[in-house]
């Protein structure tokens, strides 16, 4: 009888071990900040001003025109 109780409690403990796993996120990211606010580091495109929505929109337009749009690159390669 003791062996059955021991095995059952061991099975319960083993099944609960996965409940304590920490979330596996690559970087802590705040979801409530706008992309135009910037990253806070030195890896920014030259000419872009962090926090300026118009500057952000202009950078996105320029990237699309320069070929960083996968849809236009795939259509040109076909």
N, C-alpha and C. Protein backbone atom coordinates (compact mmCIF):
# COMPACT_ATOMS: atom_id res chain seq x y z
N UNK A 1 0.82 -1.19 0.00
CA UNK A 1 0.00 0.00 0.00
C UNK A 1 0.87 1.26 0.00
N UNK A 2 1.97 1.21 0.78
CA UNK A 2 2.86 2.37 0.84
C UNK A 2 3.52 2.65 -0.50
N UNK A 3 3.82 1.61 -1.24
CA UNK A 3 4.48 1.76 -2.54
C UNK A 3 3.54 2.47 -3.52
N UNK A 4 2.27 2.14 -3.48
CA UNK A 4 1.30 2.77 -4.37
C UNK A 4 1.16 4.25 -4.04
N UNK A 5 1.08 4.59 -2.76
CA UNK A 5 0.97 5.98 -2.34
C UNK A 5 2.23 6.75 -2.74
N UNK A 6 3.37 6.12 -2.54
CA UNK A 6 4.65 6.75 -2.88
C UNK A 6 4.72 7.01 -4.39
N UNK A 7 4.36 6.04 -5.20
CA UNK A 7 4.39 6.19 -6.66
C UNK A 7 3.39 7.24 -7.14
N UNK A 8 2.21 7.26 -6.52
CA UNK A 8 1.20 8.23 -6.90
C UNK A 8 1.65 9.65 -6.56
N UNK A 9 2.24 9.82 -5.38
CA UNK A 9 2.70 11.16 -5.01
C UNK A 9 3.89 11.59 -5.87
N UNK A 10 4.74 10.67 -6.25
CA UNK A 10 5.85 10.96 -7.14
C UNK A 10 5.34 11.39 -8.52
N UNK A 11 4.30 10.73 -9.01
CA UNK A 11 3.71 11.08 -10.30
C UNK A 11 3.08 12.47 -10.26
N UNK A 12 2.42 12.79 -9.15
CA UNK A 12 1.81 14.13 -9.01
C UNK A 12 2.89 15.20 -8.98
N UNK A 13 3.95 14.97 -8.24
CA UNK A 13 5.04 15.94 -8.16
C UNK A 13 5.73 16.12 -9.51
N UNK A 14 5.90 15.04 -10.23
CA UNK A 14 6.53 15.12 -11.55
C UNK A 14 5.66 15.89 -12.53
N UNK A 15 4.34 15.73 -12.46
CA UNK A 15 3.45 16.44 -13.37
C UNK A 15 3.36 17.92 -13.04
N UNK A 16 3.56 18.27 -11.76
CA UNK A 16 3.51 19.69 -11.37
C UNK A 16 4.84 20.41 -11.59
N UNK A 17 5.89 19.69 -11.89
CA UNK A 17 7.20 20.31 -12.09
C UNK A 17 7.19 21.26 -13.29
N UNK A 18 6.42 20.98 -14.31
CA UNK A 18 6.36 21.84 -15.50
C UNK A 18 5.61 23.14 -15.23
N UNK A 19 4.83 23.21 -14.17
CA UNK A 19 4.07 24.42 -13.87
C UNK A 19 4.96 25.56 -13.38
N UNK A 20 6.18 25.27 -12.99
CA UNK A 20 7.04 26.31 -12.44
C UNK A 20 8.02 26.86 -13.47
N UNK A 21 7.88 26.50 -14.73
CA UNK A 21 8.81 26.96 -15.75
C UNK A 21 8.63 28.46 -16.00
N UNK A 22 9.74 29.16 -16.10
CA UNK A 22 9.71 30.60 -16.35
C UNK A 22 9.41 30.86 -17.82
N UNK A 23 8.78 31.99 -18.15
CA UNK A 23 8.54 32.32 -19.55
C UNK A 23 9.86 32.50 -20.30
N UNK A 24 9.91 32.01 -21.51
CA UNK A 24 11.13 32.07 -22.30
C UNK A 24 11.02 33.18 -23.34
N UNK A 25 11.28 34.39 -22.93
CA UNK A 25 11.24 35.52 -23.85
C UNK A 25 12.65 35.93 -24.20
N UNK A 26 12.83 36.38 -25.41
CA UNK A 26 14.16 36.77 -25.87
C UNK A 26 14.62 38.05 -25.18
N UNK A 27 13.80 39.05 -25.20
CA UNK A 27 14.14 40.31 -24.54
C UNK A 27 12.90 40.85 -23.84
N UNK A 28 13.08 41.54 -22.75
CA UNK A 28 11.91 42.17 -22.13
C UNK A 28 11.47 43.35 -22.99
N UNK A 29 10.24 43.34 -23.41
CA UNK A 29 9.74 44.37 -24.32
C UNK A 29 8.46 44.96 -23.76
N UNK A 30 8.38 46.27 -23.78
CA UNK A 30 7.17 46.94 -23.36
C UNK A 30 6.24 47.05 -24.56
N UNK A 31 5.09 46.48 -24.47
CA UNK A 31 4.16 46.47 -25.59
C UNK A 31 3.37 47.76 -25.71
N UNK A 32 3.44 48.62 -24.70
CA UNK A 32 2.62 49.82 -24.73
C UNK A 32 3.35 51.03 -25.33
N UNK A 33 4.58 50.88 -25.79
CA UNK A 33 5.28 51.99 -26.42
C UNK A 33 5.17 51.88 -27.93
N UNK A 34 5.06 53.01 -28.58
CA UNK A 34 4.96 53.03 -30.03
C UNK A 34 6.33 52.77 -30.64
N UNK A 35 6.35 52.20 -31.82
CA UNK A 35 7.61 51.91 -32.49
C UNK A 35 8.39 53.18 -32.81
N UNK A 36 7.70 54.27 -33.02
CA UNK A 36 8.37 55.52 -33.38
C UNK A 36 9.09 56.15 -32.20
N UNK A 37 8.93 55.61 -30.99
CA UNK A 37 9.61 56.15 -29.82
C UNK A 37 11.09 55.77 -29.79
N UNK A 38 11.46 54.74 -30.51
CA UNK A 38 12.87 54.36 -30.60
C UNK A 38 13.22 53.22 -29.68
N UNK A 39 14.48 52.80 -29.78
CA UNK A 39 14.96 51.66 -29.03
C UNK A 39 15.77 52.06 -27.81
N UNK A 40 16.29 53.25 -27.79
CA UNK A 40 17.10 53.69 -26.67
C UNK A 40 18.55 53.25 -26.79
N UNK A 41 18.97 52.79 -27.98
CA UNK A 41 20.38 52.43 -28.18
C UNK A 41 20.92 53.10 -29.43
N UNK A 42 22.16 52.81 -29.77
CA UNK A 42 22.81 53.50 -30.87
C UNK A 42 22.50 52.88 -32.24
N UNK A 43 21.77 51.81 -32.31
CA UNK A 43 21.50 51.15 -33.58
C UNK A 43 20.24 51.71 -34.23
N UNK A 44 20.34 52.94 -34.70
CA UNK A 44 19.21 53.59 -35.37
C UNK A 44 19.66 54.04 -36.76
N UNK A 45 18.72 54.17 -37.65
CA UNK A 45 19.02 54.63 -39.00
C UNK A 45 19.45 56.09 -38.96
N UNK A 46 20.45 56.45 -39.75
CA UNK A 46 20.87 57.86 -39.76
C UNK A 46 19.76 58.75 -40.33
N UNK A 47 19.55 59.87 -39.70
CA UNK A 47 18.52 60.79 -40.16
C UNK A 47 17.18 60.61 -39.47
N UNK A 48 17.05 59.56 -38.69
CA UNK A 48 15.78 59.33 -38.01
C UNK A 48 15.84 59.91 -36.60
N UNK A 49 14.78 60.62 -36.23
CA UNK A 49 14.70 61.23 -34.90
C UNK A 49 13.73 60.42 -34.05
N UNK A 50 14.22 59.88 -32.96
CA UNK A 50 13.36 59.08 -32.08
C UNK A 50 12.26 59.94 -31.49
N UNK A 51 11.06 59.42 -31.49
CA UNK A 51 9.91 60.11 -30.93
C UNK A 51 9.14 60.95 -31.94
N UNK A 52 9.64 61.10 -33.14
CA UNK A 52 8.99 61.91 -34.17
C UNK A 52 8.25 60.99 -35.13
N UNK A 53 6.93 61.00 -35.08
CA UNK A 53 6.10 60.11 -35.90
C UNK A 53 6.29 60.38 -37.39
N UNK A 54 6.41 61.65 -37.80
CA UNK A 54 6.59 61.96 -39.22
C UNK A 54 7.93 61.42 -39.72
N UNK A 55 8.96 61.53 -38.91
CA UNK A 55 10.27 61.00 -39.28
C UNK A 55 10.21 59.47 -39.39
N UNK A 56 9.48 58.84 -38.51
CA UNK A 56 9.31 57.38 -38.56
C UNK A 56 8.61 56.96 -39.85
N UNK A 57 7.54 57.67 -40.20
CA UNK A 57 6.82 57.35 -41.43
C UNK A 57 7.71 57.53 -42.66
N UNK A 58 8.52 58.57 -42.66
CA UNK A 58 9.43 58.81 -43.78
C UNK A 58 10.46 57.70 -43.90
N UNK A 59 10.99 57.23 -42.77
CA UNK A 59 11.96 56.12 -42.80
C UNK A 59 11.31 54.84 -43.33
N UNK A 60 10.06 54.57 -42.95
CA UNK A 60 9.38 53.39 -43.44
C UNK A 60 9.13 53.48 -44.95
N UNK A 61 8.78 54.67 -45.43
CA UNK A 61 8.59 54.88 -46.86
C UNK A 61 9.91 54.67 -47.62
N UNK A 62 11.00 55.19 -47.08
CA UNK A 62 12.30 55.06 -47.73
C UNK A 62 12.74 53.60 -47.77
N UNK A 63 12.50 52.84 -46.72
CA UNK A 63 12.87 51.42 -46.72
C UNK A 63 12.09 50.65 -47.77
N UNK A 64 10.83 50.99 -47.93
CA UNK A 64 10.01 50.32 -48.93
C UNK A 64 10.53 50.62 -50.33
N UNK A 65 10.94 51.85 -50.58
CA UNK A 65 11.44 52.23 -51.90
C UNK A 65 12.80 51.62 -52.20
N UNK A 66 13.62 51.40 -51.18
CA UNK A 66 14.97 50.88 -51.39
C UNK A 66 15.01 49.36 -51.55
N UNK A 67 13.90 48.70 -51.44
CA UNK A 67 13.89 47.26 -51.66
C UNK A 67 13.87 46.42 -50.41
N UNK A 68 13.56 46.98 -49.27
CA UNK A 68 13.45 46.18 -48.06
C UNK A 68 12.02 45.69 -47.86
N UNK A 69 11.31 45.58 -48.94
CA UNK A 69 9.95 45.06 -48.92
C UNK A 69 10.00 43.70 -49.61
N UNK A 70 9.74 42.65 -48.88
CA UNK A 70 9.86 41.29 -49.42
C UNK A 70 8.86 41.03 -50.55
N UNK A 71 7.71 41.68 -50.52
CA UNK A 71 6.73 41.47 -51.57
C UNK A 71 7.23 41.99 -52.91
N UNK A 72 7.83 43.18 -52.90
CA UNK A 72 8.33 43.73 -54.16
C UNK A 72 9.57 42.97 -54.64
N UNK A 73 10.40 42.49 -53.75
CA UNK A 73 11.60 41.75 -54.14
C UNK A 73 11.22 40.40 -54.74
N UNK A 74 10.20 39.74 -54.19
CA UNK A 74 9.78 38.45 -54.70
C UNK A 74 9.15 38.60 -56.08
N UNK A 75 8.39 39.67 -56.30
CA UNK A 75 7.76 39.91 -57.59
C UNK A 75 8.80 40.23 -58.65
N UNK A 76 9.86 40.95 -58.28
CA UNK A 76 10.90 41.31 -59.25
C UNK A 76 11.75 40.10 -59.62
N UNK A 77 11.92 39.15 -58.72
CA UNK A 77 12.74 38.00 -58.96
C UNK A 77 12.05 36.91 -59.77
N UNK A 78 10.76 36.98 -59.93
CA UNK A 78 10.01 35.93 -60.62
C UNK A 78 10.07 36.09 -62.12
